[in-house]
Amino acid sequence: MVTGHGAIAYSPSTGQSNTSWCWPDRQQAEQRALDGMPADSVTWYGHHAFVALARGPGLYGFGDSRSGAQAMQTALENAGGSAAGIVMLIHTNTGQRDPQSEWAAAQRIAEVKHAIGRGIWRYVITCLWILYVIAIAAVGSKVPIVADLMIAAGIIYAVIRYRQRRRRRRQ
């Protein structure tokens, strides 16, 4: 029996919401989510995925993805962006999830990835400079190609860092 179908139902008039998860098909998942809900309720379906509901001032939005953070991001964008907040997050296989802990975990992972990416550039440039110094020490000043490469790498690194700082200042 295939399971993993789930849905979130939401009533815009009352703000009431309901969930269902781990059902064998879409129809049953949506029907269970709509049980006891007002007539104006809408559903959002997912299969082996995260499904999120966000509410903003006068708006609501759903999102679904294999990633909890991406489902929440989509729901927030559909609900009006920065003024919206996550109401509910479920995984269609296991049920209710805590949106705050999922979001915090996703933010930490993104920060680590950013730090690693930045660190790799520093590591590569440092290694190139060390190789340049070793080449100059071993051969003398007869390595103009290596010198040109090092100067080019330094300029590229400086341009990339300048653009990153400028982009951060604009945000």
C-alpha atoms as a PDB file:
ATOM      1  CA  MET A   1       0.000   0.000   0.000  1.00  0.00           C
ATOM      2  CA  VAL A   2       1.497   3.333  -1.096  1.00  0.00           C
ATOM      3  CA  THR A   3       1.164   6.059   1.528  1.00  0.00           C
ATOM      4  CA  GLY A   4       2.687   9.456   1.986  1.00  0.00           C
ATOM      5  CA  HIS A   5      -0.180  11.530   0.621  1.00  0.00           C
ATOM      6  CA  GLY A   6      -1.130  14.497   2.796  1.00  0.00           C
ATOM      7  CA  ALA A   7      -2.850  17.866   2.720  1.00  0.00           C
ATOM      8  CA  ILE A   8      -3.477  21.060   4.649  1.00  0.00           C
ATOM      9  CA  ALA A   9      -6.955  22.598   4.582  1.00  0.00           C
ATOM     10  CA  TYR A  10      -7.487  26.282   5.384  1.00  0.00           C
ATOM     11  CA  SER A  11     -10.607  28.422   5.729  1.00  0.00           C
ATOM     12  CA  PRO A  12      -9.939  32.069   4.789  1.00  0.00           C
ATOM     13  CA  SER A  13     -13.133  33.254   6.495  1.00  0.00           C
ATOM     14  CA  THR A  14     -12.467  31.690   9.912  1.00  0.00           C
ATOM     15  CA  GLY A  15      -8.686  31.176   9.872  1.00  0.00           C
ATOM     16  CA  GLN A  16      -9.258  27.552  10.877  1.00  0.00           C
ATOM     17  CA  SER A  17      -6.847  24.934   9.508  1.00  0.00           C
ATOM     18  CA  ASN A  18      -6.617  21.156   9.533  1.00  0.00           C
ATOM     19  CA  THR A  19      -4.112  18.569   8.306  1.00  0.00           C
ATOM     20  CA  SER A  20      -3.937  14.985   7.139  1.00  0.00           C
ATOM     21  CA  TRP A  21      -0.956  12.782   6.342  1.00  0.00           C
ATOM     22  CA  CYS A  22       0.074   9.242   5.509  1.00  0.00           C
ATOM     23  CA  TRP A  23      -2.954   8.410   3.356  1.00  0.00           C
ATOM     24  CA  PRO A  24      -2.903   5.970   0.421  1.00  0.00           C
ATOM     25  CA  ASP A  25      -4.153   8.477  -2.175  1.00  0.00           C
ATOM     26  CA  ARG A  26      -4.726  12.161  -2.794  1.00  0.00           C
ATOM     27  CA  GLN A  27      -8.517  12.035  -2.568  1.00  0.00           C
ATOM     28  CA  GLN A  28      -8.483  10.504   0.917  1.00  0.00           C
ATOM     29  CA  ALA A  29      -5.817  12.934   2.120  1.00  0.00           C
ATOM     30  CA  GLU A  30      -7.741  15.988   0.945  1.00  0.00           C
ATOM     31  CA  GLN A  31     -11.052  14.639   2.272  1.00  0.00           C
ATOM     32  CA  ARG A  32      -9.562  13.995   5.738  1.00  0.00           C
ATOM     33  CA  ALA A  33      -8.063  17.483   5.815  1.00  0.00           C
ATOM     34  CA  LEU A  34     -11.489  18.964   4.943  1.00  0.00           C
ATOM     35  CA  ASP A  35     -13.327  16.994   7.677  1.00  0.00           C
ATOM     36  CA  GLY A  36     -15.062  19.465  10.001  1.00  0.00           C
ATOM     37  CA  MET A  37     -13.910  22.505   8.019  1.00  0.00           C
ATOM     38  CA  PRO A  38     -16.174  25.339   6.734  1.00  0.00           C
ATOM     39  CA  ALA A  39     -17.492  25.245   3.167  1.00  0.00           C
ATOM     40  CA  ASP A  40     -15.042  27.915   1.902  1.00  0.00           C
ATOM     41  CA  SER A  41     -11.988  25.829   2.822  1.00  0.00           C
ATOM     42  CA  VAL A  42      -9.193  25.237   0.341  1.00  0.00           C
ATOM     43  CA  THR A  43      -6.616  22.438   0.399  1.00  0.00           C
ATOM     44  CA  TRP A  44      -3.006  22.042  -0.629  1.00  0.00           C
ATOM     45  CA  TYR A  45      -1.759  18.569  -1.384  1.00  0.00           C
ATOM     46  CA  GLY A  46       1.668  16.919  -1.197  1.00  0.00           C
ATOM     47  CA  HIS A  47       3.132  13.458  -1.729  1.00  0.00           C
ATOM     48  CA  HIS A  48       6.300  12.463   0.172  1.00  0.00           C
ATOM     49  CA  ALA A  49       6.941  16.172   0.711  1.00  0.00           C
ATOM     50  CA  PHE A  50       6.668  19.038   3.164  1.00  0.00           C
ATOM     51  CA  VAL A  51       3.547  21.188   2.913  1.00  0.00           C
ATOM     52  CA  ALA A  52       3.433  24.621   4.577  1.00  0.00           C
ATOM     53  CA  LEU A  53       0.720  27.192   5.263  1.00  0.00           C
ATOM     54  CA  ALA A  54       1.541  30.874   5.823  1.00  0.00           C
ATOM     55  CA  ARG A  55      -0.742  33.794   6.695  1.00  0.00           C
ATOM     56  CA  GLY A  56      -0.138  37.438   6.045  1.00  0.00           C
ATOM     57  CA  PRO A  57      -2.293  40.556   6.363  1.00  0.00           C
ATOM     58  CA  GLY A  58      -5.326  39.618   4.278  1.00  0.00           C
ATOM     59  CA  LEU A  59      -3.453  36.915   2.368  1.00  0.00           C
ATOM     60  CA  TYR A  60      -2.562  33.265   2.802  1.00  0.00           C
ATOM     61  CA  GLY A  61      -0.263  30.992   0.879  1.00  0.00           C
ATOM     62  CA  PHE A  62       0.762  27.387   0.576  1.00  0.00           C
ATOM     63  CA  GLY A  63       4.025  25.810  -0.453  1.00  0.00           C
ATOM     64  CA  ASP A  64       5.313  22.294  -0.942  1.00  0.00           C
ATOM     65  CA  SER A  65       8.767  20.872  -1.517  1.00  0.00           C
ATOM     66  CA  ARG A  66      11.060  18.014  -0.567  1.00  0.00           C
ATOM     67  CA  SER A  67      12.729  20.527   1.773  1.00  0.00           C
ATOM     68  CA  GLY A  68      10.880  21.995   4.758  1.00  0.00           C
ATOM     69  CA  ALA A  69      12.706  25.308   4.378  1.00  0.00           C
ATOM     70  CA  GLN A  70      11.797  25.584   0.695  1.00  0.00           C
ATOM     71  CA  ALA A  71       8.135  24.756   1.393  1.00  0.00           C
ATOM     72  CA  MET A  72       8.026  27.484   4.055  1.00  0.00           C
ATOM     73  CA  GLN A  73       9.800  29.990   1.785  1.00  0.00           C
ATOM     74  CA  THR A  74       7.285  29.377  -1.014  1.00  0.00           C
ATOM     75  CA  ALA A  75       4.345  29.689   1.396  1.00  0.00           C
ATOM     76  CA  LEU A  76       5.718  32.976   2.765  1.00  0.00           C
ATOM     77  CA  GLU A  77       6.193  34.389  -0.742  1.00  0.00           C
ATOM     78  CA  ASN A  78       2.634  33.381  -1.689  1.00  0.00           C
ATOM     79  CA  ALA A  79       1.257  34.986   1.482  1.00  0.00           C
ATOM     80  CA  GLY A  80       2.792  38.397   1.034  1.00  0.00           C
ATOM     81  CA  GLY A  81       6.482  38.062   1.872  1.00  0.00           C
ATOM     82  CA  SER A  82       7.987  39.646   4.974  1.00  0.00           C
ATOM     83  CA  ALA A  83       4.625  40.511   6.563  1.00  0.00           C
ATOM     84  CA  ALA A  84       3.562  36.824   6.580  1.00  0.00           C
ATOM     85  CA  GLY A  85       4.249  34.111   9.126  1.00  0.00           C
ATOM     86  CA  ILE A  86       4.262  30.330   8.997  1.00  0.00           C
ATOM     87  CA  VAL A  87       1.154  28.803  10.573  1.00  0.00           C
ATOM     88  CA  MET A  88       1.699  25.139   9.897  1.00  0.00           C
ATOM     89  CA  LEU A  89       4.236  22.738   8.427  1.00  0.00           C
ATOM     90  CA  ILE A  90       3.689  19.021   7.919  1.00  0.00           C
ATOM     91  CA  HIS A  91       5.530  16.208   6.233  1.00  0.00           C
ATOM     92  CA  THR A  92       3.054  14.066   4.338  1.00  0.00           C
ATOM     93  CA  ASN A  93       4.703  10.852   5.597  1.00  0.00           C
ATOM     94  CA  THR A  94       4.988  11.647   9.306  1.00  0.00           C
ATOM     95  CA  GLY A  95       2.647  14.538  10.085  1.00  0.00           C
ATOM     96  CA  GLN A  96       3.156  17.685  12.089  1.00  0.00           C
ATOM     97  CA  ARG A  97       6.521  19.409  12.186  1.00  0.00           C
ATOM     98  CA  ASP A  98       7.731  22.414  14.125  1.00  0.00           C
ATOM     99  CA  PRO A  99       8.144  25.264  11.600  1.00  0.00           C
ATOM    100  CA  GLN A 100      10.435  27.306  13.839  1.00  0.00           C
ATOM    101  CA  SER A 101      12.966  24.518  14.371  1.00  0.00           C
ATOM    102  CA  GLU A 102      12.847  23.511  10.681  1.00  0.00           C
ATOM    103  CA  TRP A 103      13.424  27.124   9.611  1.00  0.00           C
ATOM    104  CA  ALA A 104      16.232  27.635  12.133  1.00  0.00           C
ATOM    105  CA  ALA A 105      17.946  24.437  10.970  1.00  0.00           C
ATOM    106  CA  ALA A 106      17.700  25.516   7.335  1.00  0.00           C
ATOM    107  CA  GLN A 107      19.162  28.938   8.184  1.00  0.00           C
ATOM    108  CA  ARG A 108      22.096  27.328  10.039  1.00  0.00           C
ATOM    109  CA  ILE A 109      22.800  25.031   7.076  1.00  0.00           C
ATOM    110  CA  ALA A 110      22.734  27.998   4.670  1.00  0.00           C
ATOM    111  CA  GLU A 111      25.147  29.949   6.903  1.00  0.00           C
ATOM    112  CA  VAL A 112      27.543  26.998   7.076  1.00  0.00           C
ATOM    113  CA  LYS A 113      27.430  26.531   3.296  1.00  0.00           C
ATOM    114  CA  HIS A 114      28.145  30.239   2.834  1.00  0.00           C
ATOM    115  CA  ALA A 115      31.061  30.144   5.280  1.00  0.00           C
ATOM    116  CA  ILE A 116      32.514  27.053   3.609  1.00  0.00           C
ATOM    117  CA  GLY A 117      32.220  28.632   0.168  1.00  0.00           C
ATOM    118  CA  ARG A 118      33.927  31.803   1.364  1.00  0.00           C
ATOM    119  CA  GLY A 119      36.618  29.771   3.129  1.00  0.00           C
ATOM    120  CA  ILE A 120      37.421  27.742   0.027  1.00  0.00           C
ATOM    121  CA  TRP A 121      38.171  30.905  -1.962  1.00  0.00           C
ATOM    122  CA  ARG A 122      40.502  32.126   0.773  1.00  0.00           C
ATOM    123  CA  TYR A 123      42.185  28.740   0.926  1.00  0.00           C
ATOM    124  CA  VAL A 124      42.737  28.583  -2.853  1.00  0.00           C
ATOM    125  CA  ILE A 125      44.147  32.116  -3.043  1.00  0.00           C
ATOM    126  CA  THR A 126      46.417  31.489  -0.050  1.00  0.00           C
ATOM    127  CA  CYS A 127      47.719  28.265  -1.606  1.00  0.00           C
ATOM    128  CA  LEU A 128      48.398  30.040  -4.883  1.00  0.00           C
ATOM    129  CA  TRP A 129      50.328  32.803  -3.100  1.00  0.00           C
ATOM    130  CA  ILE A 130      52.376  30.232  -1.188  1.00  0.00           C
ATOM    131  CA  LEU A 131      53.191  28.405  -4.437  1.00  0.00           C
ATOM    132  CA  TYR A 132      54.185  31.717  -5.985  1.00  0.00           C
ATOM    133  CA  VAL A 133      56.549  32.524  -3.110  1.00  0.00           C
ATOM    134  CA  ILE A 134      58.067  29.026  -3.280  1.00  0.00           C
ATOM    135  CA  ALA A 135      58.519  29.324  -7.057  1.00  0.00           C
ATOM    136  CA  ILE A 136      60.232  32.721  -6.711  1.00  0.00           C
ATOM    137  CA  ALA A 137      62.491  31.337  -3.958  1.00  0.00           C
ATOM    138  CA  ALA A 138      63.390  28.229  -5.974  1.00  0.00           C
ATOM    139  CA  VAL A 139      63.839  29.710  -9.434  1.00  0.00           C
ATOM    140  CA  GLY A 140      64.315  33.383  -8.813  1.00  0.00           C
ATOM    141  CA  SER A 141      62.456  36.045 -10.712  1.00  0.00           C
ATOM    142  CA  LYS A 142      62.376  33.916 -13.858  1.00  0.00           C
ATOM    143  CA  VAL A 143      58.744  32.925 -13.393  1.00  0.00           C
ATOM    144  CA  PRO A 144      56.764  35.706 -15.083  1.00  0.00           C
ATOM    145  CA  ILE A 145      53.873  33.393 -16.012  1.00  0.00           C
ATOM    146  CA  VAL A 146      53.334  32.394 -12.384  1.00  0.00           C
ATOM    147  CA  ALA A 147      53.555  36.027 -11.337  1.00  0.00           C
ATOM    148  CA  ASP A 148      50.968  37.026 -13.936  1.00  0.00           C
ATOM    149  CA  LEU A 149      48.656  34.243 -12.804  1.00  0.00           C
ATOM    150  CA  MET A 150      48.987  35.292  -9.174  1.00  0.00           C
ATOM    151  CA  ILE A 151      48.286  38.921  -9.984  1.00  0.00           C
ATOM    152  CA  ALA A 152      45.225  37.884 -12.031  1.00  0.00           C
ATOM    153  CA  ALA A 153      43.982  35.621  -9.226  1.00  0.00           C
ATOM    154  CA  GLY A 154      44.424  38.440  -6.716  1.00  0.00           C
ATOM    155  CA  ILE A 155      42.482  40.863  -8.899  1.00  0.00           C
ATOM    156  CA  ILE A 156      39.674  38.355  -9.467  1.00  0.00           C
ATOM    157  CA  TYR A 157      39.445  37.676  -5.738  1.00  0.00           C
ATOM    158  CA  ALA A 158      39.381  41.408  -4.950  1.00  0.00           C
ATOM    159  CA  VAL A 159      36.615  42.028  -7.522  1.00  0.00           C
ATOM    160  CA  ILE A 160      34.514  39.149  -6.159  1.00  0.00           C
ATOM    161  CA  ARG A 161      34.883  40.385  -2.558  1.00  0.00           C
ATOM    162  CA  TYR A 162      34.046  43.970  -3.609  1.00  0.00           C
ATOM    163  CA  ARG A 163      30.854  42.830  -5.370  1.00  0.00           C
ATOM    164  CA  GLN A 164      29.806  40.711  -2.387  1.00  0.00           C
ATOM    165  CA  ARG A 165      30.257  43.628   0.009  1.00  0.00           C
ATOM    166  CA  ARG A 166      28.365  45.967  -2.321  1.00  0.00           C
ATOM    167  CA  ARG A 167      25.510  43.471  -2.646  1.00  0.00           C
ATOM    168  CA  ARG A 168      25.283  43.137   1.165  1.00  0.00           C
ATOM    169  CA  ARG A 169      25.173  46.914   1.614  1.00  0.00           C
ATOM    170  CA  ARG A 170      22.224  47.177  -0.807  1.00  0.00           C
ATOM    171  CA  GLN A 171      20.254  44.608   1.154  1.00  0.00           C
END
